[in-house]
Amino acid sequence: MSAHERLCVALDVETLDEAEALAARLTGEVGYFKVGLELFAAHGPEAVRAIGAHGPVFLDIKLHDIPTQVGRTARRVGALQVGLLTVHASGGSAMVRAAVEGLADGGGTGRVLAVTVLTSMSEQDLADVNAPGAATQVPALARLATAAGAPGLVCAPRDLPLVRDAVGEEAYLVTPGIRPAGSGEDDHARAATPAQAVADGADLLVVGRPITRAADPAAAARALAAELP
């Protein structure tokens, strides 16, 4: 896998026009384009189709509902031919399995990614909701999701070693919260640099503002790729 293929740019912008303009500038510079909740809520499947013209789409809508509803939704998503689709691992084995089966039933060839713990959650957040800390909860959710058939997982950069140790080398690990060396963490309580994340086992790095808010997004993407080992 080349360095630029390890990058996914988060198109977390308000309009489809903005997203398409960014995707056009970044075609060939990144491995995936992430369509998140805001863009999907505003433009629905059309956002996936439009961005998909520029490269593989990572549909990050974090499905979390009863298995029947998640399975039916994943089947619809399968028809859109997305490369990646997120669900919450905390939805349980049956829900994760329904997503995997639904995506395939809809004709999709992409991968389901199970989200362990959001990168915006700190250890204090977990303590406040009486949940076990990341060191306990994240590996447990990772094992649950992969046992249910999820080929990939989403986890915070600092949880990568825990997850690799829990599920082995075959799982496809995706991590947001990636920031160039010397930059701030923004909304991510547990961020990391690109080089550190790859060294710790990440396969795909999700990057938003350091690329999308740069004066030259393509140059910013190339600079991030250059940081990778």
C-alpha atoms as a PDB file:
ATOM      1  CA  MET A   1       0.000   0.000   0.000  1.00  0.00           C
ATOM      2  CA  SER A   2       1.446   3.378  -0.996  1.00  0.00           C
ATOM      3  CA  ALA A   3       1.632   6.252   1.480  1.00  0.00           C
ATOM      4  CA  HIS A   4      -1.144   8.298  -0.128  1.00  0.00           C
ATOM      5  CA  GLU A   5      -3.465   5.261  -0.109  1.00  0.00           C
ATOM      6  CA  ARG A   6      -3.195   5.245   3.678  1.00  0.00           C
ATOM      7  CA  LEU A   7      -4.879   8.655   3.847  1.00  0.00           C
ATOM      8  CA  CYS A   8      -8.612   9.318   4.046  1.00  0.00           C
ATOM      9  CA  VAL A   9      -9.757  12.932   3.925  1.00  0.00           C
ATOM     10  CA  ALA A  10     -12.817  13.792   5.994  1.00  0.00           C
ATOM     11  CA  LEU A  11     -15.117  15.959   3.879  1.00  0.00           C
ATOM     12  CA  ASP A  12     -16.808  17.474   6.920  1.00  0.00           C
ATOM     13  CA  VAL A  13     -18.117  20.562   5.152  1.00  0.00           C
ATOM     14  CA  GLU A  14     -21.579  22.113   4.943  1.00  0.00           C
ATOM     15  CA  THR A  15     -22.408  21.757   1.259  1.00  0.00           C
ATOM     16  CA  LEU A  16     -21.992  19.205  -1.469  1.00  0.00           C
ATOM     17  CA  ASP A  17     -20.434  21.859  -3.698  1.00  0.00           C
ATOM     18  CA  GLU A  18     -17.659  22.367  -1.132  1.00  0.00           C
ATOM     19  CA  ALA A  19     -17.169  18.633  -0.772  1.00  0.00           C
ATOM     20  CA  GLU A  20     -16.984  18.077  -4.522  1.00  0.00           C
ATOM     21  CA  ALA A  21     -14.513  20.923  -4.948  1.00  0.00           C
ATOM     22  CA  LEU A  22     -12.244  19.423  -2.300  1.00  0.00           C
ATOM     23  CA  ALA A  23     -12.576  15.935  -3.760  1.00  0.00           C
ATOM     24  CA  ALA A  24     -11.695  17.235  -7.207  1.00  0.00           C
ATOM     25  CA  ARG A  25      -8.521  18.862  -5.853  1.00  0.00           C
ATOM     26  CA  LEU A  26      -7.575  15.707  -3.968  1.00  0.00           C
ATOM     27  CA  THR A  27      -8.303  13.070  -6.610  1.00  0.00           C
ATOM     28  CA  GLY A  28      -5.339  10.713  -6.683  1.00  0.00           C
ATOM     29  CA  GLU A  29      -3.817  12.251  -3.547  1.00  0.00           C
ATOM     30  CA  VAL A  30      -5.697  10.155  -0.953  1.00  0.00           C
ATOM     31  CA  GLY A  31      -7.036   6.623  -0.688  1.00  0.00           C
ATOM     32  CA  TYR A  32     -10.576   7.456   0.506  1.00  0.00           C
ATOM     33  CA  PHE A  33     -13.007  10.331   0.806  1.00  0.00           C
ATOM     34  CA  LYS A  34     -15.052  10.290   4.007  1.00  0.00           C
ATOM     35  CA  VAL A  35     -18.708  11.309   3.778  1.00  0.00           C
ATOM     36  CA  GLY A  36     -19.941  11.900   7.314  1.00  0.00           C
ATOM     37  CA  LEU A  37     -23.249  12.501   9.026  1.00  0.00           C
ATOM     38  CA  GLU A  38     -23.601  16.202   8.180  1.00  0.00           C
ATOM     39  CA  LEU A  39     -23.044  15.785   4.459  1.00  0.00           C
ATOM     40  CA  PHE A  40     -25.163  12.635   4.293  1.00  0.00           C
ATOM     41  CA  ALA A  41     -28.004  14.264   6.250  1.00  0.00           C
ATOM     42  CA  ALA A  42     -28.001  17.210   3.863  1.00  0.00           C
ATOM     43  CA  HIS A  43     -27.627  15.368   0.558  1.00  0.00           C
ATOM     44  CA  GLY A  44     -28.173  11.657   1.195  1.00  0.00           C
ATOM     45  CA  PRO A  45     -27.113   9.063  -1.375  1.00  0.00           C
ATOM     46  CA  GLU A  46     -26.418  11.806  -3.918  1.00  0.00           C
ATOM     47  CA  ALA A  47     -23.431  12.867  -1.807  1.00  0.00           C
ATOM     48  CA  VAL A  48     -22.011   9.344  -2.028  1.00  0.00           C
ATOM     49  CA  ARG A  49     -22.527   9.179  -5.784  1.00  0.00           C
ATOM     50  CA  ALA A  50     -21.008  12.616  -6.388  1.00  0.00           C
ATOM     51  CA  ILE A  51     -17.940  12.052  -4.224  1.00  0.00           C
ATOM     52  CA  GLY A  52     -17.569   8.508  -5.535  1.00  0.00           C
ATOM     53  CA  ALA A  53     -16.778   9.961  -8.951  1.00  0.00           C
ATOM     54  CA  HIS A  54     -13.461  11.140  -7.456  1.00  0.00           C
ATOM     55  CA  GLY A  55     -12.441   8.033  -5.523  1.00  0.00           C
ATOM     56  CA  PRO A  56     -13.521   5.376  -3.000  1.00  0.00           C
ATOM     57  CA  VAL A  57     -16.023   6.547  -0.393  1.00  0.00           C
ATOM     58  CA  PHE A  58     -15.878   5.897   3.342  1.00  0.00           C
ATOM     59  CA  LEU A  59     -19.471   6.382   4.533  1.00  0.00           C
ATOM     60  CA  ASP A  60     -19.123   7.293   8.192  1.00  0.00           C
ATOM     61  CA  ILE A  61     -22.682   7.252   9.545  1.00  0.00           C
ATOM     62  CA  LYS A  62     -22.008   4.979  12.560  1.00  0.00           C
ATOM     63  CA  LEU A  63     -25.128   2.827  12.443  1.00  0.00           C
ATOM     64  CA  HIS A  64     -26.449   1.901  15.891  1.00  0.00           C
ATOM     65  CA  ASP A  65     -29.932   0.411  16.115  1.00  0.00           C
ATOM     66  CA  ILE A  66     -31.659  -2.946  16.407  1.00  0.00           C
ATOM     67  CA  PRO A  67     -30.188  -5.571  14.048  1.00  0.00           C
ATOM     68  CA  THR A  68     -33.159  -5.550  11.663  1.00  0.00           C
ATOM     69  CA  GLN A  69     -32.940  -1.815  11.052  1.00  0.00           C
ATOM     70  CA  VAL A  70     -29.170  -1.834  10.693  1.00  0.00           C
ATOM     71  CA  GLY A  71     -29.295  -4.761   8.287  1.00  0.00           C
ATOM     72  CA  ARG A  72     -31.881  -3.076   6.083  1.00  0.00           C
ATOM     73  CA  THR A  73     -29.959   0.183   6.079  1.00  0.00           C
ATOM     74  CA  ALA A  74     -26.694  -1.557   5.250  1.00  0.00           C
ATOM     75  CA  ARG A  75     -28.434  -3.278   2.339  1.00  0.00           C
ATOM     76  CA  ARG A  76     -29.383   0.139   0.946  1.00  0.00           C
ATOM     77  CA  VAL A  77     -25.836   1.350   1.443  1.00  0.00           C
ATOM     78  CA  GLY A  78     -24.529  -1.707  -0.380  1.00  0.00           C
ATOM     79  CA  ALA A  79     -26.258  -0.542  -3.535  1.00  0.00           C
ATOM     80  CA  LEU A  80     -24.200   2.677  -3.346  1.00  0.00           C
ATOM     81  CA  GLN A  81     -20.956   0.688  -3.607  1.00  0.00           C
ATOM     82  CA  VAL A  82     -19.168   2.434  -0.761  1.00  0.00           C
ATOM     83  CA  GLY A  83     -15.723   1.205   0.171  1.00  0.00           C
ATOM     84  CA  LEU A  84     -16.210   1.456   3.938  1.00  0.00           C
ATOM     85  CA  LEU A  85     -19.246   1.734   6.247  1.00  0.00           C
ATOM     86  CA  THR A  86     -19.160   2.369   9.999  1.00  0.00           C
ATOM     87  CA  VAL A  87     -21.311   0.892  12.762  1.00  0.00           C
ATOM     88  CA  HIS A  88     -20.944   1.090  16.529  1.00  0.00           C
ATOM     89  CA  ALA A  89     -19.433  -2.061  18.021  1.00  0.00           C
ATOM     90  CA  SER A  90     -21.382  -1.311  21.193  1.00  0.00           C
ATOM     91  CA  GLY A  91     -24.549  -2.253  19.287  1.00  0.00           C
ATOM     92  CA  GLY A  92     -23.618  -5.892  19.887  1.00  0.00           C
ATOM     93  CA  SER A  93     -22.741  -8.990  17.909  1.00  0.00           C
ATOM     94  CA  ALA A  94     -26.115  -9.437  16.222  1.00  0.00           C
ATOM     95  CA  MET A  95     -26.166  -5.838  15.032  1.00  0.00           C
ATOM     96  CA  VAL A  96     -22.627  -5.965  13.636  1.00  0.00           C
ATOM     97  CA  ARG A  97     -23.389  -9.245  11.889  1.00  0.00           C
ATOM     98  CA  ALA A  98     -26.573  -7.760  10.399  1.00  0.00           C
ATOM     99  CA  ALA A  99     -24.541  -4.857   8.977  1.00  0.00           C
ATOM    100  CA  VAL A 100     -21.990  -7.179   7.380  1.00  0.00           C
ATOM    101  CA  GLU A 101     -24.688  -9.388   5.867  1.00  0.00           C
ATOM    102  CA  GLY A 102     -26.828  -6.445   4.783  1.00  0.00           C
ATOM    103  CA  LEU A 103     -23.991  -4.703   2.991  1.00  0.00           C
ATOM    104  CA  ALA A 104     -23.230  -7.873   1.031  1.00  0.00           C
ATOM    105  CA  ASP A 105     -26.915  -8.561   0.319  1.00  0.00           C
ATOM    106  CA  GLY A 106     -27.190  -5.113  -1.219  1.00  0.00           C
ATOM    107  CA  GLY A 107     -24.418  -5.919  -3.677  1.00  0.00           C
ATOM    108  CA  GLY A 108     -21.741  -4.064  -1.762  1.00  0.00           C
ATOM    109  CA  THR A 109     -18.144  -5.197  -1.870  1.00  0.00           C
ATOM    110  CA  GLY A 110     -16.913  -2.761   0.770  1.00  0.00           C
ATOM    111  CA  ARG A 111     -15.972  -3.393   4.385  1.00  0.00           C
ATOM    112  CA  VAL A 112     -17.886  -2.787   7.592  1.00  0.00           C
ATOM    113  CA  LEU A 113     -15.841  -0.941  10.195  1.00  0.00           C
ATOM    114  CA  ALA A 114     -16.906  -1.279  13.816  1.00  0.00           C
ATOM    115  CA  VAL A 115     -16.234   1.813  15.945  1.00  0.00           C
ATOM    116  CA  THR A 116     -14.863   0.971  19.391  1.00  0.00           C
ATOM    117  CA  VAL A 117     -14.729   4.184  21.489  1.00  0.00           C
ATOM    118  CA  LEU A 118     -14.993   7.642  19.922  1.00  0.00           C
ATOM    119  CA  THR A 119     -11.734   9.572  19.833  1.00  0.00           C
ATOM    120  CA  SER A 120     -13.508  12.530  21.453  1.00  0.00           C
ATOM    121  CA  MET A 121     -14.016  10.495  24.648  1.00  0.00           C
ATOM    122  CA  SER A 122     -11.357  10.835  27.308  1.00  0.00           C
ATOM    123  CA  GLU A 123     -10.660   8.447  30.164  1.00  0.00           C
ATOM    124  CA  GLN A 124     -12.565  10.865  32.421  1.00  0.00           C
ATOM    125  CA  ASP A 125     -15.591  10.656  30.110  1.00  0.00           C
ATOM    126  CA  LEU A 126     -15.539   6.881  30.395  1.00  0.00           C
ATOM    127  CA  ALA A 127     -15.245   7.102  34.157  1.00  0.00           C
ATOM    128  CA  ASP A 128     -18.139   9.573  34.340  1.00  0.00           C
ATOM    129  CA  VAL A 129     -20.495   7.120  32.610  1.00  0.00           C
ATOM    130  CA  ASN A 130     -19.268   4.229  34.785  1.00  0.00           C
ATOM    131  CA  ALA A 131     -17.753   2.500  31.773  1.00  0.00           C
ATOM    132  CA  PRO A 132     -14.461   0.594  31.929  1.00  0.00           C
ATOM    133  CA  GLY A 133     -11.476   2.548  30.685  1.00  0.00           C
ATOM    134  CA  ALA A 134     -10.207   2.391  27.132  1.00  0.00           C
ATOM    135  CA  ALA A 135      -7.633  -0.244  28.079  1.00  0.00           C
ATOM    136  CA  THR A 136     -10.492  -2.625  28.947  1.00  0.00           C
ATOM    137  CA  GLN A 137     -13.429  -1.526  26.830  1.00  0.00           C
ATOM    138  CA  VAL A 138     -11.707  -1.028  23.471  1.00  0.00           C
ATOM    139  CA  PRO A 139     -10.126  -4.502  23.124  1.00  0.00           C
ATOM    140  CA  ALA A 140     -13.356  -6.143  24.293  1.00  0.00           C
ATOM    141  CA  LEU A 141     -15.418  -4.302  21.669  1.00  0.00           C
ATOM    142  CA  ALA A 142     -12.799  -5.050  19.023  1.00  0.00           C
ATOM    143  CA  ARG A 143     -12.958  -8.781  19.742  1.00  0.00           C
ATOM    144  CA  LEU A 144     -16.767  -8.726  19.766  1.00  0.00           C
ATOM    145  CA  ALA A 145     -16.951  -6.986  16.388  1.00  0.00           C
ATOM    146  CA  THR A 146     -14.399  -9.120  14.582  1.00  0.00           C
ATOM    147  CA  ALA A 147     -15.987 -12.297  15.961  1.00  0.00           C
ATOM    148  CA  ALA A 148     -19.277 -11.050  14.472  1.00  0.00           C
ATOM    149  CA  GLY A 149     -17.673 -10.738  11.048  1.00  0.00           C
ATOM    150  CA  ALA A 150     -16.532  -7.110  10.858  1.00  0.00           C
ATOM    151  CA  PRO A 151     -13.328  -7.056   8.788  1.00  0.00           C
ATOM    152  CA  GLY A 152     -12.277  -3.657  10.115  1.00  0.00           C
ATOM    153  CA  LEU A 153     -12.297  -1.477  13.215  1.00  0.00           C
ATOM    154  CA  VAL A 154     -12.100   2.207  14.065  1.00  0.00           C
ATOM    155  CA  CYS A 155     -10.161   3.189  17.169  1.00  0.00           C
ATOM    156  CA  ALA A 156      -8.240   6.101  18.602  1.00  0.00           C
ATOM    157  CA  PRO A 157      -4.536   6.253  17.712  1.00  0.00           C
ATOM    158  CA  ARG A 158      -3.465   5.566  21.271  1.00  0.00           C
ATOM    159  CA  ASP A 159      -5.605   2.412  21.353  1.00  0.00           C
ATOM    160  CA  LEU A 160      -4.005   0.868  18.258  1.00  0.00           C
ATOM    161  CA  PRO A 161      -1.501  -1.363  20.101  1.00  0.00           C
ATOM    162  CA  LEU A 162      -4.284  -2.673  22.365  1.00  0.00           C
ATOM    163  CA  VAL A 163      -6.489  -3.460  19.373  1.00  0.00           C
ATOM    164  CA  ARG A 164      -3.742  -5.130  17.332  1.00  0.00           C
ATOM    165  CA  ASP A 165      -2.891  -7.285  20.300  1.00  0.00           C
ATOM    166  CA  ALA A 166      -6.574  -8.206  20.759  1.00  0.00           C
ATOM    167  CA  VAL A 167      -7.515  -9.061  17.160  1.00  0.00           C
ATOM    168  CA  GLY A 168      -4.276  -9.821  15.332  1.00  0.00           C
ATOM    169  CA  GLU A 169      -2.851  -8.675  12.037  1.00  0.00           C
ATOM    170  CA  GLU A 170      -5.726  -9.445   9.663  1.00  0.00           C
ATOM    171  CA  ALA A 171      -8.134  -6.755  10.875  1.00  0.00           C
ATOM    172  CA  TYR A 172      -8.144  -3.514   8.877  1.00  0.00           C
ATOM    173  CA  LEU A 173      -7.562  -0.724  11.400  1.00  0.00           C
ATOM    174  CA  VAL A 174      -8.732   2.811  10.768  1.00  0.00           C
ATOM    175  CA  THR A 175      -7.914   5.706  13.046  1.00  0.00           C
ATOM    176  CA  PRO A 176      -9.144   9.312  13.093  1.00  0.00           C
ATOM    177  CA  GLY A 177      -7.561  11.984  15.261  1.00  0.00           C
ATOM    178  CA  ILE A 178      -4.498  12.255  13.024  1.00  0.00           C
ATOM    179  CA  ARG A 179      -2.596  15.515  13.278  1.00  0.00           C
ATOM    180  CA  PRO A 180       0.733  16.566  11.722  1.00  0.00           C
ATOM    181  CA  ALA A 181       3.628  16.831  14.131  1.00  0.00           C
ATOM    182  CA  GLY A 182       3.376  20.058  16.140  1.00  0.00           C
ATOM    183  CA  SER A 183      -0.324  20.732  15.523  1.00  0.00           C
ATOM    184  CA  GLY A 184      -3.249  20.788  17.999  1.00  0.00           C
ATOM    185  CA  GLU A 185      -5.680  17.956  18.709  1.00  0.00           C
ATOM    186  CA  ASP A 186      -8.950  19.854  17.919  1.00  0.00           C
ATOM    187  CA  ASP A 187     -11.898  17.632  18.966  1.00  0.00           C
ATOM    188  CA  HIS A 188      -9.838  14.513  19.536  1.00  0.00           C
ATOM    189  CA  ALA A 189      -8.850  13.723  23.109  1.00  0.00           C
ATOM    190  CA  ARG A 190      -6.388  11.039  22.009  1.00  0.00           C
ATOM    191  CA  ALA A 191      -4.699  12.191  18.779  1.00  0.00           C
ATOM    192  CA  ALA A 192      -1.396  11.122  17.165  1.00  0.00           C
ATOM    193  CA  THR A 193       0.925  11.939  14.290  1.00  0.00           C
ATOM    194  CA  PRO A 194       0.682   9.954  11.036  1.00  0.00           C
ATOM    195  CA  ALA A 195       4.023   8.193  11.541  1.00  0.00           C
ATOM    196  CA  GLN A 196       3.177   7.139  15.088  1.00  0.00           C
ATOM    197  CA  ALA A 197      -0.249   5.801  14.074  1.00  0.00           C
ATOM    198  CA  VAL A 198       1.204   3.643  11.280  1.00  0.00           C
ATOM    199  CA  ALA A 199       3.982   2.413  13.544  1.00  0.00           C
ATOM    200  CA  ASP A 200       1.326   1.363  16.049  1.00  0.00           C
ATOM    201  CA  GLY A 201      -0.607  -0.644  13.459  1.00  0.00           C
ATOM    202  CA  ALA A 202      -2.988   1.656  11.573  1.00  0.00           C
ATOM    203  CA  ASP A 203      -3.891   0.814   7.981  1.00  0.00           C
ATOM    204  CA  LEU A 204      -5.907   3.958   7.166  1.00  0.00           C
ATOM    205  CA  LEU A 205      -5.545   7.431   8.660  1.00  0.00           C
ATOM    206  CA  VAL A 206      -8.526   9.788   8.685  1.00  0.00           C
ATOM    207  CA  VAL A 207      -7.523  13.441   8.413  1.00  0.00           C
ATOM    208  CA  GLY A 208      -9.845  16.431   8.260  1.00  0.00           C
ATOM    209  CA  ARG A 209      -8.936  20.038   8.975  1.00  0.00           C
ATOM    210  CA  PRO A 210      -5.151  19.761   8.454  1.00  0.00           C
ATOM    211  CA  ILE A 211      -6.000  19.000   4.806  1.00  0.00           C
ATOM    212  CA  THR A 212      -9.402  20.598   4.168  1.00  0.00           C
ATOM    213  CA  ARG A 213      -8.523  23.954   5.727  1.00  0.00           C
ATOM    214  CA  ALA A 214      -5.088  24.177   4.152  1.00  0.00           C
ATOM    215  CA  ALA A 215      -4.448  26.826   1.512  1.00  0.00           C
ATOM    216  CA  ASP A 216      -3.396  23.999  -0.808  1.00  0.00           C
ATOM    217  CA  PRO A 217      -5.192  20.766   0.249  1.00  0.00           C
ATOM    218  CA  ALA A 218      -3.291  18.610  -2.247  1.00  0.00           C
ATOM    219  CA  ALA A 219       0.068  19.875  -0.980  1.00  0.00           C
ATOM    220  CA  ALA A 220      -1.065  19.280   2.601  1.00  0.00           C
ATOM    221  CA  ALA A 221      -2.035  15.697   1.739  1.00  0.00           C
ATOM    222  CA  ARG A 222       1.330  15.100   0.086  1.00  0.00           C
ATOM    223  CA  ALA A 223       3.126  16.521   3.130  1.00  0.00           C
ATOM    224  CA  LEU A 224       1.210  14.161   5.436  1.00  0.00           C
ATOM    225  CA  ALA A 225       1.983  11.205   3.180  1.00  0.00           C
ATOM    226  CA  ALA A 226       5.653  12.191   3.313  1.00  0.00           C
ATOM    227  CA  GLU A 227       5.569  11.777   7.116  1.00  0.00           C
ATOM    228  CA  LEU A 228       4.714   8.097   6.764  1.00  0.00           C
ATOM    229  CA  PRO A 229       7.409   5.447   7.077  1.00  0.00           C
END
